[in-house]
C-alpha atoms as a PDB file:
ATOM      1  CA  MET A   1      66.651 216.963 219.703  1.00  0.00           C
ATOM      2  CA  SER A   2      65.556 214.502 222.859  1.00  0.00           C
ATOM      3  CA  PRO A   3      67.804 214.350 225.629  1.00  0.00           C
ATOM      4  CA  ARG A   4      68.529 210.832 225.373  1.00  0.00           C
ATOM      5  CA  ASN A   5      69.032 210.941 221.089  1.00  0.00           C
ATOM      6  CA  LEU A   6      72.056 213.771 222.405  1.00  0.00           C
ATOM      7  CA  THR A   7      73.649 211.542 224.746  1.00  0.00           C
ATOM      8  CA  ILE A   8      73.188 208.543 221.628  1.00  0.00           C
ATOM      9  CA  ALA A   9      74.807 210.930 219.616  1.00  0.00           C
ATOM     10  CA  LEU A  10      77.582 212.053 221.744  1.00  0.00           C
ATOM     11  CA  PHE A  11      79.156 208.727 222.237  1.00  0.00           C
ATOM     12  CA  LEU A  12      78.979 207.749 218.925  1.00  0.00           C
ATOM     13  CA  SER A  13      80.849 210.722 218.153  1.00  0.00           C
ATOM     14  CA  LEU A  14      83.183 209.669 221.159  1.00  0.00           C
ATOM     15  CA  ALA A  15      83.773 206.437 219.911  1.00  0.00           C
ATOM     16  CA  VAL A  16      84.361 207.652 216.348  1.00  0.00           C
ATOM     17  CA  ASN A  17      87.064 209.845 217.554  1.00  0.00           C
ATOM     18  CA  LEU A  18      88.684 207.401 219.718  1.00  0.00           C
ATOM     19  CA  PHE A  19      88.925 204.929 216.556  1.00  0.00           C
ATOM     20  CA  VAL A  20      90.560 207.950 214.112  1.00  0.00           C
ATOM     21  CA  ILE A  21      92.854 208.917 217.281  1.00  0.00           C
ATOM     22  CA  GLY A  22      93.699 204.767 217.546  1.00  0.00           C
ATOM     23  CA  THR A  23      94.173 204.268 213.795  1.00  0.00           C
ATOM     24  CA  GLY A  24      96.520 207.528 213.618  1.00  0.00           C
ATOM     25  CA  VAL A  25      98.792 206.461 216.373  1.00  0.00           C
ATOM     26  CA  GLY A  26      98.842 203.003 215.139  1.00  0.00           C
ATOM     27  CA  VAL A  27     100.036 203.759 211.957  1.00  0.00           C
ATOM     28  CA  PHE A  28     102.474 206.169 213.784  1.00  0.00           C
ATOM     29  CA  VAL A  29     103.954 203.777 216.106  1.00  0.00           C
ATOM     30  CA  ILE A  30     104.270 201.121 212.591  1.00  0.00           C
ATOM     31  CA  GLY A  31     105.765 204.092 210.088  1.00  0.00           C
ATOM     32  CA  HIS A  32     108.511 204.908 212.994  1.00  0.00           C
ATOM     33  CA  ARG A  33     109.127 201.337 213.565  1.00  0.00           C
ATOM     34  CA  LEU A  34     109.330 200.348 209.564  1.00  0.00           C
ATOM     35  CA  HIS A  35     111.811 203.496 209.338  1.00  0.00           C
ATOM     36  CA  SER A  36     114.037 203.105 212.141  1.00  0.00           C
ATOM     37  CA  GLU A  37     114.461 199.189 210.691  1.00  0.00           C
ATOM     38  CA  ALA A  38     114.823 200.438 207.713  1.00  0.00           C
ATOM     39  CA  ALA A  39     117.870 202.230 208.952  1.00  0.00           C
ATOM     40  CA  GLN A  40     119.785 199.949 210.346  1.00  0.00           C
ATOM     41  CA  PRO A  41     122.683 198.689 208.197  1.00  0.00           C
ATOM     42  CA  HIS A  42     122.399 195.476 206.616  1.00  0.00           C
ATOM     43  CA  ARG A  43     124.845 192.874 208.474  1.00  0.00           C
ATOM     44  CA  PRO A  44     127.321 191.012 206.280  1.00  0.00           C
ATOM     45  CA  GLN A  45     127.112 187.287 207.141  1.00  0.00           C
ATOM     46  CA  PRO A  46     130.522 186.515 208.853  1.00  0.00           C
ATOM     47  CA  LEU A  47     132.204 184.845 206.557  1.00  0.00           C
ATOM     48  CA  TRP A  48     131.561 187.111 204.014  1.00  0.00           C
ATOM     49  CA  ALA A  49     133.078 189.656 206.013  1.00  0.00           C
ATOM     50  CA  ALA A  50     136.144 188.355 206.886  1.00  0.00           C
ATOM     51  CA  ALA A  51     137.382 188.914 203.581  1.00  0.00           C
ATOM     52  CA  ASP A  52     136.618 192.719 204.282  1.00  0.00           C
ATOM     53  CA  GLY A  53     140.204 193.700 205.563  1.00  0.00           C
ATOM     54  CA  LEU A  54     141.753 192.268 202.094  1.00  0.00           C
ATOM     55  CA  PRO A  55     142.589 194.322 199.262  1.00  0.00           C
ATOM     56  CA  ILE A  56     139.459 194.732 196.747  1.00  0.00           C
ATOM     57  CA  ASP A  57     140.441 192.310 194.160  1.00  0.00           C
ATOM     58  CA  GLN A  58     141.252 189.155 196.746  1.00  0.00           C
ATOM     59  CA  ARG A  59     138.311 190.446 198.478  1.00  0.00           C
ATOM     60  CA  ASP A  60     135.660 190.412 195.212  1.00  0.00           C
ATOM     61  CA  ALA A  61     137.805 186.651 194.324  1.00  0.00           C
ATOM     62  CA  TYR A  62     137.570 185.368 198.027  1.00  0.00           C
ATOM     63  CA  ARG A  63     133.724 186.372 197.615  1.00  0.00           C
ATOM     64  CA  ARG A  64     133.483 184.439 194.469  1.00  0.00           C
ATOM     65  CA  LEU A  65     135.007 181.182 195.996  1.00  0.00           C
ATOM     66  CA  LEU A  66     131.607 181.446 198.619  1.00  0.00           C
ATOM     67  CA  GLN A  67     129.300 182.045 196.009  1.00  0.00           C
ATOM     68  CA  GLY A  68     130.809 179.345 194.172  1.00  0.00           C
ATOM     69  CA  GLN A  69     131.314 176.928 197.377  1.00  0.00           C
ATOM     70  CA  ALA A  70     127.263 177.961 198.598  1.00  0.00           C
ATOM     71  CA  MET A  71     125.708 176.367 195.151  1.00  0.00           C
ATOM     72  CA  GLY A  72     127.878 173.363 195.411  1.00  0.00           C
ATOM     73  CA  VAL A  73     127.108 172.533 198.930  1.00  0.00           C
ATOM     74  CA  GLY A  74     123.453 173.626 198.853  1.00  0.00           C
ATOM     75  CA  GLN A  75     122.037 170.930 197.817  1.00  0.00           C
ATOM     76  CA  GLN A  76     124.142 168.889 200.847  1.00  0.00           C
ATOM     77  CA  ILE A  77     122.525 171.106 203.290  1.00  0.00           C
ATOM     78  CA  ARG A  78     118.862 171.283 201.991  1.00  0.00           C
ATOM     79  CA  GLU A  79     119.448 167.284 202.084  1.00  0.00           C
ATOM     80  CA  ALA A  80     120.355 167.929 205.755  1.00  0.00           C
ATOM     81  CA  ARG A  81     117.418 170.233 207.018  1.00  0.00           C
ATOM     82  CA  ARG A  82     115.396 167.449 205.228  1.00  0.00           C
ATOM     83  CA  ALA A  83     116.847 164.503 207.037  1.00  0.00           C
ATOM     84  CA  ARG A  84     116.321 166.496 210.027  1.00  0.00           C
ATOM     85  CA  ARG A  85     112.527 167.852 209.599  1.00  0.00           C
ATOM     86  CA  ASP A  86     112.119 163.676 208.692  1.00  0.00           C
ATOM     87  CA  ALA A  87     113.761 163.077 211.979  1.00  0.00           C
ATOM     88  CA  PHE A  88     111.813 165.333 213.812  1.00  0.00           C
ATOM     89  CA  ALA A  89     108.287 164.460 211.966  1.00  0.00           C
ATOM     90  CA  ALA A  90     108.948 161.176 213.029  1.00  0.00           C
ATOM     91  CA  LEU A  91     108.792 161.496 216.794  1.00  0.00           C
ATOM     92  CA  GLY A  92     105.317 161.467 216.476  1.00  0.00           C
ATOM     93  CA  GLU A  93     104.950 158.455 214.927  1.00  0.00           C
ATOM     94  CA  ASP A  94     103.718 155.565 216.578  1.00  0.00           C
ATOM     95  CA  PRO A  95     105.222 153.117 216.967  1.00  0.00           C
ATOM     96  CA  PHE A  96     108.278 155.256 217.796  1.00  0.00           C
ATOM     97  CA  ASP A  97     111.610 154.468 216.257  1.00  0.00           C
ATOM     98  CA  ALA A  98     114.324 156.386 218.621  1.00  0.00           C
ATOM     99  CA  ASP A  99     117.063 154.235 217.141  1.00  0.00           C
ATOM    100  CA  ALA A 100     115.774 155.276 213.620  1.00  0.00           C
ATOM    101  CA  THR A 101     114.907 158.679 214.702  1.00  0.00           C
ATOM    102  CA  ARG A 102     118.858 159.092 216.024  1.00  0.00           C
ATOM    103  CA  LYS A 103     120.569 157.726 212.897  1.00  0.00           C
ATOM    104  CA  ARG A 104     118.261 160.511 209.983  1.00  0.00           C
ATOM    105  CA  LEU A 105     119.905 162.912 213.133  1.00  0.00           C
ATOM    106  CA  ALA A 106     123.182 161.609 212.401  1.00  0.00           C
ATOM    107  CA  ASP A 107     123.206 161.540 208.834  1.00  0.00           C
ATOM    108  CA  ALA A 108     121.653 164.887 208.772  1.00  0.00           C
ATOM    109  CA  ARG A 109     124.666 166.187 211.035  1.00  0.00           C
ATOM    110  CA  THR A 110     127.448 164.169 208.457  1.00  0.00           C
ATOM    111  CA  LEU A 111     125.803 166.217 205.673  1.00  0.00           C
ATOM    112  CA  GLU A 112     126.302 169.202 207.222  1.00  0.00           C
ATOM    113  CA  VAL A 113     130.034 168.754 208.322  1.00  0.00           C
ATOM    114  CA  GLN A 114     130.724 168.004 205.234  1.00  0.00           C
ATOM    115  CA  ALA A 115     129.355 170.797 203.886  1.00  0.00           C
ATOM    116  CA  ARG A 116     131.082 172.476 205.978  1.00  0.00           C
ATOM    117  CA  GLY A 117     134.628 170.625 205.171  1.00  0.00           C
ATOM    118  CA  GLU A 118     133.966 171.465 201.593  1.00  0.00           C
ATOM    119  CA  VAL A 119     133.719 174.980 202.355  1.00  0.00           C
ATOM    120  CA  GLU A 120     136.627 175.488 204.805  1.00  0.00           C
ATOM    121  CA  SER A 121     138.668 173.600 202.822  1.00  0.00           C
ATOM    122  CA  ARG A 122     138.290 175.580 199.608  1.00  0.00           C
ATOM    123  CA  ILE A 123     138.932 178.569 202.277  1.00  0.00           C
ATOM    124  CA  VAL A 124     142.228 177.051 203.005  1.00  0.00           C
ATOM    125  CA  ASP A 125     143.132 176.204 199.404  1.00  0.00           C
ATOM    126  CA  PHE A 126     142.342 180.521 198.694  1.00  0.00           C
ATOM    127  CA  ALA A 127     144.194 181.533 201.907  1.00  0.00           C
ATOM    128  CA  ALA A 128     147.159 179.610 200.357  1.00  0.00           C
ATOM    129  CA  THR A 129     147.565 181.877 197.197  1.00  0.00           C
ATOM    130  CA  LEU A 130     147.691 185.241 199.621  1.00  0.00           C
ATOM    131  CA  PRO A 131     151.047 186.357 201.106  1.00  0.00           C
ATOM    132  CA  PRO A 132     151.427 186.267 204.454  1.00  0.00           C
ATOM    133  CA  GLU A 133     150.376 189.553 205.440  1.00  0.00           C
ATOM    134  CA  GLU A 134     146.730 189.238 203.548  1.00  0.00           C
ATOM    135  CA  ARG A 135     146.523 185.827 204.844  1.00  0.00           C
ATOM    136  CA  ALA A 136     146.725 186.924 208.323  1.00  0.00           C
ATOM    137  CA  GLU A 137     144.298 189.741 207.852  1.00  0.00           C
ATOM    138  CA  LEU A 138     142.139 186.899 206.527  1.00  0.00           C
ATOM    139  CA  ALA A 139     142.707 184.974 209.798  1.00  0.00           C
ATOM    140  CA  ARG A 140     141.710 187.654 211.785  1.00  0.00           C
ATOM    141  CA  GLY A 141     138.806 188.229 209.635  1.00  0.00           C
ATOM    142  CA  LEU A 142     137.562 184.257 210.379  1.00  0.00           C
ATOM    143  CA  MET A 143     138.183 184.303 213.519  1.00  0.00           C
ATOM    144  CA  GLN A 144     136.003 186.943 214.780  1.00  0.00           C
ATOM    145  CA  SER A 145     133.212 184.946 212.278  1.00  0.00           C
ATOM    146  CA  ALA A 146     133.726 181.842 213.562  1.00  0.00           C
ATOM    147  CA  PRO A 147     131.040 180.090 215.409  1.00  0.00           C
ATOM    148  CA  GLY A 148     131.437 179.164 219.547  1.00  0.00           C
ATOM    149  CA  PRO A 149     131.233 175.816 220.697  1.00  0.00           C
ATOM    150  CA  LEU A 150     127.188 175.461 220.106  1.00  0.00           C
ATOM    151  CA  ASN A 151     127.393 177.337 216.429  1.00  0.00           C
ATOM    152  CA  GLY A 152     125.112 179.858 217.699  1.00  0.00           C
ATOM    153  CA  MET A 153     123.073 178.433 220.247  1.00  0.00           C
ATOM    154  CA  ARG A 154     121.597 179.955 223.321  1.00  0.00           C
ATOM    155  CA  ARG A 155     121.283 179.008 227.198  1.00  0.00           C
ATOM    156  CA  MET A 156     118.040 178.655 228.043  1.00  0.00           C
ATOM    157  CA  ARG A 157     117.285 181.118 231.039  1.00  0.00           C
ATOM    158  CA  PRO A 158     114.651 181.446 233.293  1.00  0.00           C
ATOM    159  CA  MET A 159     111.073 183.538 232.519  1.00  0.00           C
ATOM    160  CA  GLY A 160     112.284 187.090 233.431  1.00  0.00           C
ATOM    161  CA  GLU A 161     115.931 186.745 233.279  1.00  0.00           C
ATOM    162  CA  GLU A 162     118.057 189.107 231.239  1.00  0.00           C
ATOM    163  CA  PRO A 163     120.142 188.016 228.856  1.00  0.00           C
ATOM    164  CA  PRO A 164     123.844 189.149 229.823  1.00  0.00           C
ATOM    165  CA  PRO A 165     125.324 192.459 227.590  1.00  0.00           C
ATOM    166  CA  PRO A 166     126.569 191.494 224.141  1.00  0.00           C
ATOM    167  CA  GLY A 167     130.161 190.882 224.056  1.00  0.00           C
ATOM    168  CA  PRO A 168     133.261 190.658 221.476  1.00  0.00           C
ATOM    169  CA  GLU A 169     132.300 187.074 221.188  1.00  0.00           C
ATOM    170  CA  ALA A 170     128.816 187.480 220.440  1.00  0.00           C
ATOM    171  CA  GLN A 171     129.168 189.638 216.913  1.00  0.00           C
END
């Protein structure tokens, strides 16, 4: 074999080996990430978890109430999302009607507030049936799940600025 052919074969072998090693490392890294994500416990929805301290029968009744309410207000939430999407889509229209867009967004907010109000009202009705100790326990759970003033929105940080460490209010 000529030295030129030997050099070409050496480089081809090196390229194939690098490809195989890179594939192996990639599979290992992706597998490790998937395994670590699967090992993390699932965090229940805040309103759902609010009943964790209640006796099992009351916890089940509360969660059945939430399931029923979710089905009931689901249509309102879908309509609110649709109205919001329509409003944002209107931003690109020409001519642009800012007042009509504001109205669509206001309608979406109204639907969301009505849906939330219905759920909260049913929770209050349920709490009225509980003995004082269980009602206090439900109240503690609900206070932990209550959204902050911006309802989950985060402050925009300049690029490179680290987020603050999570505190008890971040739950």
